[in-house]
Protein backbone atom coordinates (compact mmCIF):
# COMPACT_ATOMS: atom_id res chain seq x y z
CA MET A 1 -0.36 0.12 -0.04
CA LYS A 2 1.28 3.56 -0.81
CA SER A 3 2.11 5.76 2.00
CA SER A 4 -0.59 8.21 3.00
CA ALA A 5 1.78 11.14 1.65
CA GLN A 6 1.96 9.68 -1.74
CA GLN A 7 -2.14 8.41 -0.97
CA LEU A 8 -3.34 12.10 -0.27
CA GLU A 9 -0.99 13.47 -3.30
CA LEU A 10 -3.23 11.10 -5.80
CA ILE A 11 -6.62 11.49 -4.17
CA LYS A 12 -6.33 15.71 -4.10
CA ASN A 13 -5.37 15.89 -7.81
CA GLY A 14 -8.64 16.93 -9.20
CA THR A 15 -10.71 17.54 -5.84
CA ASP A 16 -12.11 20.63 -4.92
CA GLN A 17 -11.86 20.12 -1.33
CA ILE A 18 -11.20 17.56 1.49
CA THR A 19 -12.74 18.89 5.28
CA PRO A 20 -11.22 18.57 7.82
CA ALA A 21 -8.22 18.09 5.82
CA ASP A 22 -6.20 16.73 9.30
CA GLU A 23 -8.85 14.57 9.97
CA PHE A 24 -8.32 13.04 6.62
CA LEU A 25 -4.59 12.26 6.91
CA ARG A 26 -5.13 10.99 9.91
CA LYS A 27 -7.28 7.90 8.77
CA LEU A 28 -5.21 7.26 5.83
CA ASP A 29 -1.93 6.85 8.59
CA ARG A 30 -4.59 4.99 10.93
CA SER A 31 -5.84 2.97 8.05
CA ILE A 32 -1.86 2.12 6.97
CA SER A 33 -0.79 0.99 10.39
CA LEU A 34 -3.79 -1.21 11.04
CA ASN A 35 -3.90 -2.54 7.64
CA LYS A 36 -8.01 -1.65 7.40
CA PRO A 37 -9.21 0.15 4.17
CA LEU A 38 -11.64 3.18 4.59
CA ARG A 39 -14.89 3.11 4.34
CA VAL A 40 -15.99 5.57 0.89
CA LYS A 41 -19.18 5.88 0.27
CA TYR A 42 -20.66 7.85 -2.56
CA GLY A 43 -24.66 8.13 -3.19
CA ILE A 44 -26.25 8.53 -6.53
CA ASP A 45 -29.62 9.02 -7.12
CA PRO A 46 -31.61 7.17 -9.99
CA THR A 47 -33.77 10.58 -11.33
CA GLY A 48 -33.17 9.09 -15.02
CA ILE A 49 -32.39 6.22 -17.41
CA ASP A 50 -28.74 7.52 -17.70
CA VAL A 51 -25.53 7.20 -15.51
CA HIS A 52 -23.49 10.43 -17.64
CA LEU A 53 -20.06 11.61 -17.60
CA GLY A 54 -20.75 14.29 -14.68
CA HIS A 55 -21.82 11.42 -12.49
CA THR A 56 -18.25 9.77 -13.33
CA VAL A 57 -15.92 12.64 -11.54
CA PRO A 58 -16.94 11.14 -8.43
CA LEU A 59 -17.11 7.56 -9.66
CA ARG A 60 -13.48 8.01 -11.00
CA LYS A 61 -12.08 8.90 -7.44
CA LEU A 62 -14.32 6.46 -6.04
CA LYS A 63 -12.06 4.12 -8.45
CA LEU A 64 -8.96 5.52 -7.70
CA PHE A 65 -9.95 4.60 -3.70
CA GLN A 66 -10.34 1.19 -4.78
CA ASP A 67 -6.92 0.89 -6.60
CA LEU A 68 -5.54 1.83 -3.63
CA GLY A 69 -6.77 -0.36 -1.14
CA HIS A 70 -9.97 0.70 0.46
CA GLN A 71 -13.17 -0.24 0.30
CA ALA A 72 -15.89 1.20 -2.07
CA VAL A 73 -19.38 1.70 -0.76
CA LEU A 74 -22.12 2.94 -3.44
CA ILE A 75 -25.79 3.76 -2.52
CA ILE A 76 -28.68 3.43 -4.76
CA GLY A 77 -30.46 6.16 -3.48
CA ASN A 78 -33.99 4.51 -4.69
CA TYR A 79 -35.60 6.24 -1.58
CA THR A 80 -33.49 9.61 -1.80
CA ALA A 81 -34.79 9.79 -5.32
CA LEU A 82 -38.32 10.14 -4.23
CA VAL A 83 -37.53 13.12 -2.65
CA GLY A 84 -34.93 14.42 -4.82
CA ASP A 85 -31.58 16.55 -4.32
CA PRO A 86 -32.23 20.02 -3.82
CA SER A 87 -28.55 20.99 -3.83
CA GLY A 88 -27.59 23.92 -6.54
CA ARG A 89 -31.59 24.13 -7.62
CA ASP A 90 -33.37 27.49 -7.59
CA GLN A 91 -36.86 25.51 -7.01
CA ALA A 92 -38.26 22.18 -6.69
CA ARG A 93 -37.51 19.06 -8.66
CA GLN A 94 -40.20 17.08 -9.93
CA ARG A 95 -41.51 14.36 -7.69
CA LEU A 96 -40.82 10.60 -8.81
CA THR A 97 -43.00 7.61 -8.34
CA GLU A 98 -41.27 4.70 -6.77
CA GLU A 99 -42.21 3.00 -9.98
CA GLN A 100 -40.09 5.35 -11.85
CA VAL A 101 -37.41 5.34 -10.09
CA ALA A 102 -37.26 1.21 -9.95
CA LYS A 103 -37.61 1.82 -13.51
CA ASN A 104 -34.42 3.67 -13.58
CA ALA A 105 -32.29 1.87 -11.68
CA LEU A 106 -32.52 -1.30 -13.91
CA ASP A 107 -29.25 -0.20 -15.66
CA TYR A 108 -27.35 1.69 -13.55
CA LEU A 109 -25.26 -0.57 -11.85
CA VAL A 110 -24.70 -1.99 -15.38
CA GLN A 111 -23.17 1.85 -16.26
CA VAL A 112 -21.73 2.34 -12.95
CA GLY A 113 -19.68 -0.74 -13.65
CA LYS A 114 -18.06 0.86 -16.62
CA VAL A 115 -16.29 2.91 -13.90
CA ILE A 116 -15.48 1.14 -10.83
CA ASP A 117 -14.79 -2.25 -10.17
CA LEU A 118 -18.41 -4.00 -8.95
CA SER A 119 -17.18 -7.32 -7.73
CA LYS A 120 -14.89 -5.24 -5.34
CA THR A 121 -18.09 -3.09 -4.15
CA GLU A 122 -20.46 -2.55 -1.41
CA VAL A 123 -23.21 -1.90 -3.30
CA ARG A 124 -26.46 -0.56 -0.80
CA TYR A 125 -29.96 0.60 -1.86
CA ASN A 126 -31.32 3.30 0.88
CA GLY A 127 -34.36 1.68 0.78
CA GLU A 128 -32.78 -1.20 2.78
CA TRP A 129 -33.52 1.06 5.73
CA PHE A 130 -36.08 4.31 4.95
CA SER A 131 -38.89 1.64 3.68
CA LYS A 132 -38.81 0.44 7.57
CA TYR A 133 -39.17 4.27 8.59
CA ARG A 134 -42.13 4.71 10.95
CA PHE A 135 -43.11 8.31 11.50
CA LEU A 136 -41.45 8.78 15.02
CA ASP A 137 -38.34 7.63 13.10
CA VAL A 138 -39.18 10.21 10.96
CA LEU A 139 -39.33 12.80 13.20
CA SER A 140 -36.62 11.89 15.24
CA LEU A 141 -34.22 12.13 12.16
CA ALA A 142 -36.12 16.05 11.55
CA GLY A 143 -35.30 16.70 15.35
CA THR A 144 -31.97 16.69 14.69
CA THR A 145 -31.09 19.77 12.98
CA THR A 146 -33.18 23.18 12.95
CA VAL A 147 -34.77 25.87 10.13
CA GLN A 148 -32.07 27.95 10.90
CA ARG A 149 -29.18 25.40 10.16
CA MET A 150 -31.66 24.51 6.69
CA LEU A 151 -31.36 28.12 5.42
CA GLU A 152 -28.08 28.38 5.67
CA ARG A 153 -27.77 26.02 2.82
CA ASP A 154 -26.74 28.81 -0.17
CA ASP A 155 -29.69 26.86 -2.64
CA PHE A 156 -32.26 27.60 0.13
CA THR A 157 -30.83 31.00 1.08
CA LYS A 158 -31.32 32.37 -2.62
CA ARG A 159 -34.82 30.58 -2.99
CA TYR A 160 -35.75 31.90 0.41
CA LYS A 161 -34.66 35.54 -0.35
CA ALA A 162 -36.28 35.24 -3.66
CA GLY A 163 -39.92 33.84 -2.64
CA THR A 164 -39.23 31.44 -4.54
CA PRO A 165 -40.86 28.00 -2.55
CA ILE A 166 -39.16 25.73 -0.33
CA TYR A 167 -40.99 22.42 0.55
CA LEU A 168 -40.17 20.63 3.56
CA HIS A 169 -40.02 17.36 2.22
CA GLU A 170 -36.68 18.83 0.40
CA CYS A 171 -35.10 19.85 3.90
CA LEU A 172 -35.30 15.52 4.50
CA TYR A 173 -32.91 15.45 1.58
CA PRO A 174 -29.59 15.81 3.80
CA LEU A 175 -31.10 14.36 6.77
CA MET A 176 -31.73 11.52 4.16
CA GLN A 177 -28.10 11.36 2.61
CA GLY A 178 -26.08 11.77 6.10
CA HIS A 179 -27.93 8.56 7.55
CA ASP A 180 -26.92 6.64 4.96
CA SER A 181 -23.63 7.47 6.20
CA VAL A 182 -24.62 6.25 9.37
CA GLU A 183 -26.04 2.76 8.37
CA VAL A 184 -22.51 2.00 6.00
CA ARG A 185 -20.41 3.48 8.99
CA ALA A 186 -18.61 5.54 6.39
CA ASP A 187 -15.51 6.83 7.02
CA VAL A 188 -14.92 8.92 3.57
CA GLU A 189 -18.13 10.64 1.94
CA LEU A 190 -17.62 11.68 -2.29
CA GLY A 191 -20.05 14.30 -3.42
CA GLY A 192 -20.36 17.24 -6.03
CA SER A 193 -19.25 20.69 -4.49
CA GLU A 194 -22.61 21.89 -4.36
CA GLN A 195 -23.17 18.92 -1.69
CA LEU A 196 -20.88 19.86 1.08
CA PHE A 197 -24.35 21.07 3.39
CA SER A 198 -25.01 17.39 3.00
CA LEU A 199 -22.12 16.05 3.47
CA MET A 200 -21.48 17.52 6.43
CA ALA A 201 -25.03 16.89 7.62
CA ALA A 202 -23.82 13.28 8.07
CA ARG A 203 -20.53 14.58 10.31
CA ASP A 204 -23.51 15.37 13.11
CA LEU A 205 -25.49 12.07 12.74
CA GLN A 206 -22.56 9.96 12.87
CA LYS A 207 -21.53 11.72 16.32
CA ASN A 208 -25.01 11.12 17.24
CA ALA A 209 -24.83 7.80 16.83
CA GLY A 210 -21.53 7.54 18.65
CA GLN A 211 -19.54 6.86 15.26
CA GLU A 212 -16.31 9.03 14.19
CA PRO A 213 -17.11 11.20 11.47
CA GLN A 214 -16.70 10.97 8.36
CA VAL A 215 -14.39 13.30 6.19
CA CYS A 216 -16.14 15.05 2.68
CA ILE A 217 -14.72 15.38 -0.74
CA THR A 218 -15.85 17.30 -2.94
CA LEU A 219 -15.30 17.35 -6.74
CA PRO A 220 -16.11 19.92 -9.20
CA ILE A 221 -18.92 20.28 -10.77
CA LEU A 222 -18.53 19.13 -15.04
CA ARG A 223 -20.15 21.77 -17.18
CA GLY A 224 -22.28 19.93 -20.00
CA LEU A 225 -22.23 20.63 -23.82
CA ASP A 226 -23.19 23.98 -23.68
CA GLY A 227 -20.29 25.21 -21.54
CA ILE A 228 -22.08 27.13 -19.05
CA LYS A 229 -24.86 24.86 -16.87
CA ARG A 230 -23.67 22.09 -15.28
CA MET A 231 -24.32 18.79 -17.52
CA GLY A 232 -27.58 17.17 -16.19
CA LYS A 233 -30.34 15.22 -17.99
CA SER A 234 -33.07 17.47 -17.38
CA LEU A 235 -31.34 19.95 -19.23
CA GLY A 236 -30.39 17.37 -22.04
CA ASN A 237 -26.66 18.76 -22.19
CA TYR A 238 -25.08 15.75 -21.57
CA VAL A 239 -22.84 13.04 -22.34
CA GLY A 240 -24.00 9.66 -21.33
CA VAL A 241 -22.08 6.72 -20.44
CA GLY A 242 -24.67 4.17 -21.88
CA ASP A 243 -24.26 6.08 -25.23
CA SER A 244 -22.65 4.75 -28.33
CA SER A 245 -19.32 5.26 -29.02
CA TYR A 246 -20.12 7.18 -31.79
CA ASP A 247 -22.55 9.45 -30.20
CA GLN A 248 -20.42 9.73 -27.38
CA PHE A 249 -17.11 11.34 -29.73
CA ALA A 250 -19.82 13.69 -31.72
CA LYS A 251 -21.23 15.01 -28.48
CA ILE A 252 -17.66 15.41 -27.01
CA MET A 253 -16.54 17.30 -30.58
CA SER A 254 -19.34 19.83 -30.10
CA ILE A 255 -18.22 21.42 -26.79
CA PRO A 256 -16.44 24.75 -26.72
CA ASP A 257 -13.05 24.38 -26.84
CA GLU A 258 -13.06 26.52 -23.91
CA LEU A 259 -13.96 23.53 -21.83
CA MET A 260 -11.54 21.10 -22.74
CA LYS A 261 -9.30 22.16 -20.16
CA GLU A 262 -11.62 20.77 -17.70
CA TRP A 263 -12.64 17.97 -19.09
CA PHE A 264 -9.23 16.57 -19.48
CA ALA A 265 -8.78 17.06 -15.81
CA LEU A 266 -12.02 15.38 -14.38
CA LEU A 267 -12.65 12.80 -17.40
CA THR A 268 -9.29 11.88 -18.40
CA ASN A 269 -6.23 10.16 -16.52
CA LEU A 270 -3.65 12.50 -18.67
CA SER A 271 -1.15 14.20 -16.46
CA SER A 272 -1.14 18.05 -16.38
CA LEU A 273 2.06 18.16 -18.55
CA GLN A 274 -0.01 15.98 -21.00
CA ILE A 275 -2.99 18.37 -21.01
CA ASN A 276 -0.95 21.64 -21.15
CA ASP A 277 1.07 20.27 -24.38
CA LEU A 278 -2.19 19.48 -25.91
CA LEU A 279 -3.96 22.91 -25.33
CA ASP A 280 -1.15 24.38 -26.36
CA ALA A 281 -2.29 25.76 -29.98
CA SER A 282 1.25 26.75 -30.86
CA LYS A 283 1.68 22.28 -30.47
CA THR A 284 -1.41 21.00 -31.15
CA HIS A 285 -4.25 22.16 -32.79
CA PRO A 286 -7.46 23.25 -31.09
CA LEU A 287 -9.19 20.02 -33.62
CA GLU A 288 -7.00 17.59 -32.84
CA ALA A 289 -6.76 18.15 -29.15
CA LYS A 290 -10.57 17.57 -29.00
CA LYS A 291 -10.13 14.49 -31.27
CA THR A 292 -7.67 12.80 -28.46
CA LEU A 293 -9.78 14.23 -26.02
CA GLY A 294 -13.04 12.53 -27.25
CA LYS A 295 -10.97 9.08 -27.96
CA ASN A 296 -9.47 9.43 -24.67
CA ILE A 297 -12.94 9.14 -22.91
CA VAL A 298 -14.69 7.38 -25.73
CA GLY A 299 -11.86 4.51 -25.24
CA PHE A 300 -12.22 4.49 -21.67
CA TYR A 301 -16.13 3.12 -22.25
CA HIS A 302 -15.88 1.02 -25.40
CA GLY A 303 -11.65 0.40 -26.01
CA ASP A 304 -9.07 2.43 -27.84
CA SER A 305 -10.13 0.83 -31.66
CA VAL A 306 -13.73 1.18 -30.81
CA ALA A 307 -12.81 4.77 -30.47
CA ASN A 308 -10.62 5.61 -32.69
CA GLU A 309 -13.58 3.75 -35.50
CA ALA A 310 -15.90 6.64 -33.94
CA ALA A 311 -13.47 9.09 -34.47
CA GLU A 312 -13.10 8.30 -38.24
CA GLU A 313 -16.64 7.82 -38.95
CA TRP A 314 -17.15 11.46 -37.29
CA VAL A 315 -14.16 12.70 -39.77
CA LYS A 316 -16.34 11.03 -42.65
CA ARG A 317 -19.90 12.49 -42.01
CA PHE A 318 -18.69 15.90 -40.90
CA SER A 319 -15.36 16.66 -42.41
CA GLN A 320 -15.74 15.10 -45.36
CA ARG A 321 -19.96 15.13 -45.10
CA GLN A 322 -20.26 12.31 -46.07
CA ASP A 323 -23.46 9.42 -44.70
CA PRO A 324 -22.43 7.44 -41.97
CA THR A 325 -21.58 3.95 -42.89
CA ASP A 326 -25.03 2.35 -41.65
CA ILE A 327 -27.69 4.38 -41.90
CA PRO A 328 -30.71 2.70 -39.90
CA VAL A 329 -34.23 1.70 -42.35
CA VAL A 330 -37.38 3.05 -41.23
CA VAL A 331 -40.32 1.28 -42.83
CA LEU A 332 -43.37 3.52 -43.32
CA ASN A 333 -46.86 2.15 -44.57
CA ALA A 334 -47.09 3.71 -48.57
CA THR A 335 -50.80 4.12 -47.80
CA GLN A 336 -50.24 6.85 -44.81
CA LEU A 337 -47.69 8.30 -47.26
CA ALA A 338 -49.85 8.79 -50.06
CA GLY A 339 -49.53 12.63 -50.50
CA CYS A 340 -47.18 13.06 -47.59
CA THR A 341 -45.52 16.17 -46.92
CA VAL A 342 -42.39 16.86 -45.46
CA THR A 343 -43.75 17.87 -42.16
CA LYS A 344 -45.67 14.34 -41.31
CA LEU A 345 -42.78 12.32 -43.07
CA LEU A 346 -40.62 14.14 -40.24
CA VAL A 347 -43.22 12.68 -37.68
CA PHE A 348 -43.62 9.49 -39.10
CA LEU A 349 -39.87 9.33 -38.79
CA ASP A 350 -39.77 10.05 -34.97
CA PHE A 351 -37.93 13.16 -35.67
CA ALA A 352 -40.33 15.60 -34.59
CA LYS A 353 -42.66 15.19 -31.82
CA SER A 354 -45.20 17.49 -33.81
CA ASN A 355 -46.02 19.39 -36.79
CA ASN A 356 -44.99 22.44 -35.54
CA ASP A 357 -41.65 20.90 -34.03
CA ALA A 358 -41.24 19.42 -37.75
CA ARG A 359 -41.66 23.00 -38.99
CA ARG A 360 -39.09 24.24 -36.72
CA LEU A 361 -36.80 21.96 -38.07
CA ILE A 362 -37.25 22.79 -41.70
CA GLN A 363 -37.20 26.86 -40.84
CA GLY A 364 -33.97 26.28 -38.91
CA GLY A 365 -32.47 24.90 -42.12
CA GLY A 366 -31.27 21.47 -41.39
CA VAL A 367 -33.54 18.86 -42.73
CA THR A 368 -32.27 17.25 -46.26
CA ILE A 369 -33.37 14.41 -48.40
CA GLY A 370 -32.13 12.55 -51.05
CA PRO A 371 -28.50 11.29 -52.16
CA ASP A 372 -27.87 14.90 -53.10
CA LYS A 373 -28.71 16.30 -49.81
CA THR A 374 -31.17 18.55 -51.05
CA LYS A 375 -32.27 20.93 -48.29
CA ILE A 376 -36.18 21.50 -47.99
CA ILE A 377 -37.39 24.80 -47.08
CA ASP A 378 -40.55 24.22 -47.76
CA PRO A 379 -43.05 22.48 -45.01
CA ASN A 380 -45.66 21.66 -46.67
CA GLN A 381 -43.81 20.22 -49.91
CA VAL A 382 -45.11 16.96 -50.98
CA ILE A 383 -42.92 13.73 -50.46
CA THR A 384 -43.07 10.76 -52.48
CA ILE A 385 -41.06 7.62 -51.29
CA GLU A 386 -40.18 5.37 -54.75
CA GLY A 387 -38.31 2.36 -52.73
CA GLU A 388 -35.97 4.58 -50.52
CA LEU A 389 -35.42 7.74 -49.57
CA ILE A 390 -32.03 9.13 -47.08
CA VAL A 391 -33.85 11.83 -44.86
CA ARG A 392 -31.49 13.56 -42.87
CA ILE A 393 -31.86 16.16 -39.82
CA GLY A 394 -28.25 17.76 -39.85
CA ALA A 395 -25.55 15.29 -39.76
CA ARG A 396 -26.39 13.17 -36.72
CA ARG A 397 -30.05 12.14 -37.33
CA VAL A 398 -29.67 9.95 -40.71
CA VAL A 399 -32.12 7.62 -41.68
CA ARG A 400 -33.40 5.42 -45.21
CA ALA A 401 -37.60 5.41 -45.35
CA LYS A 402 -38.67 2.85 -46.91
CA ALA A 403 -42.55 2.49 -48.06
CA GLU A 404 -44.12 -1.10 -47.69
């Protein structure tokens, strides 16, 4: 096992803060002297069907702890997901049902397993304990903090001053997350920088339970594809761990250049020196640097050879303006297509949810058809399909419409 100083240096890299830092060093020293791994917790709520690259920032840190010989404890928050984490939110999250959460959780472990070693991970669902709670237990948990303490949260303070509703169930979230740490006796908890309040709440709950409080390690929030807002499923600006290799690569190639340094640092294992060389325009063209970023990330989830194929496919589609190598075929009813306008065709192909949505796509200039990529400008243009017709929205969404 590496020394505590060596471990600390590796763990500190890419973190936002370690609180309290002196306690963490003592925990590392004791772990080494007793040959007893630290219990390192990370919780993830199945609020959607996709694990995205934003989630992998703490997951990658959890994998580092595994590699250093510590015990990873993964909490699947099937009950905290019913409340919704208010951290960093300027309004309440949409409430999910138990059925929605259960459905979302089905594939979560498969996706998480692309980052950490699940065979060496203690996986717990917090419904194990919260599903057994009586109302008296809820009262007991709620009695461990005050309204004044809750209003110390930056997000709640902003909402209170703005007159935006703060619902009582949201106040339970940090207490539930904190109680998870009590249940699994966490030594360390990982989370995003906006979650520090919840992570620190666990320390008080652990002290009340007679346990040694955990150390809180927060990590930067990964910005999404727009380069502005945090990566999130609700915002649609994310790259999914379960995305195909091509979709991952194409999305990465769409990010603003100024986002590359952040993504290199948080999503790859490249050193600071390597990253600086790649981002030095005098040494590497920004497009090539971004390709390196894309291949590095895609390679982690799909393998290097598949990442190289995705990069070649992207060059073919975007640089050479060619159609994809494999174009999916969508079979449509020939009777249904009689006298069909391009607007209706886009709806039939699931390129648009409604006629109005289809018209917006056409007006945006991104709809082309046929081998010569004829641009469609009239939403009412009648389309005749003889055999097959290639229909495109931009360069990423391409199908062969076939009439039968």
